[in-house]
Protein backbone atom coordinates (compact mmCIF):
# COMPACT_ATOMS: atom_id res chain seq x y z
CA UNK A 1 168.03 111.31 392.56
CA UNK A 2 168.82 114.66 390.97
CA UNK A 3 172.09 114.80 392.90
CA UNK A 4 173.12 111.40 391.55
CA UNK A 5 172.38 112.47 387.98
CA UNK A 6 174.32 115.71 388.52
CA UNK A 7 177.34 113.79 389.79
CA UNK A 8 177.19 111.44 386.80
CA UNK A 9 176.98 114.36 384.38
CA UNK A 10 179.90 116.06 386.14
CA UNK A 11 181.98 112.88 385.94
CA UNK A 12 181.26 112.54 382.23
CA UNK A 13 182.18 116.19 381.64
CA UNK A 14 185.41 115.79 383.63
CA UNK A 15 186.32 112.70 381.61
CA UNK A 16 185.73 114.54 378.35
CA UNK A 17 187.81 117.51 379.53
CA UNK A 18 190.65 115.18 380.48
CA UNK A 19 190.54 113.49 377.09
CA UNK A 20 190.65 116.89 375.37
CA UNK A 21 193.67 117.94 377.43
CA UNK A 22 195.60 114.81 376.46
CA UNK A 23 195.14 115.60 372.78
CA UNK A 24 195.97 119.29 373.05
CA UNK A 25 199.25 120.62 371.62
CA UNK A 26 200.10 122.26 374.96
CA UNK A 27 200.11 118.86 376.65
CA UNK A 28 202.56 117.45 374.12
CA UNK A 29 204.84 120.50 374.27
CA UNK A 30 205.02 120.27 378.06
CA UNK A 31 205.68 116.54 377.87
CA UNK A 32 208.47 117.09 375.32
CA UNK A 33 210.04 119.78 377.50
CA UNK A 34 209.89 117.50 380.53
CA UNK A 35 211.56 114.67 378.65
CA UNK A 36 214.22 117.00 377.25
CA UNK A 37 214.95 118.27 380.76
CA UNK A 38 215.29 114.73 382.08
CA UNK A 39 217.60 113.79 379.19
CA UNK A 40 219.77 116.85 379.84
CA UNK A 41 219.93 116.06 383.55
CA UNK A 42 220.98 112.49 382.75
CA UNK A 43 223.76 113.73 380.44
CA UNK A 44 225.03 116.17 383.05
CA UNK A 45 224.96 113.48 385.73
CA UNK A 46 226.85 111.03 383.51
CA UNK A 47 229.61 113.59 382.89
CA UNK A 48 230.04 114.33 386.56
């Protein structure tokens, strides 16, 4: 039973950590850079 409770606590902690990462400024900066890179690649491909 203790193992089951430990797994549940670990899953809750992992879910909270994931939620915190989504709201972090670093996440949004990386997402913006990824989108800017894709937009630049699309412009270069359209000119070619």
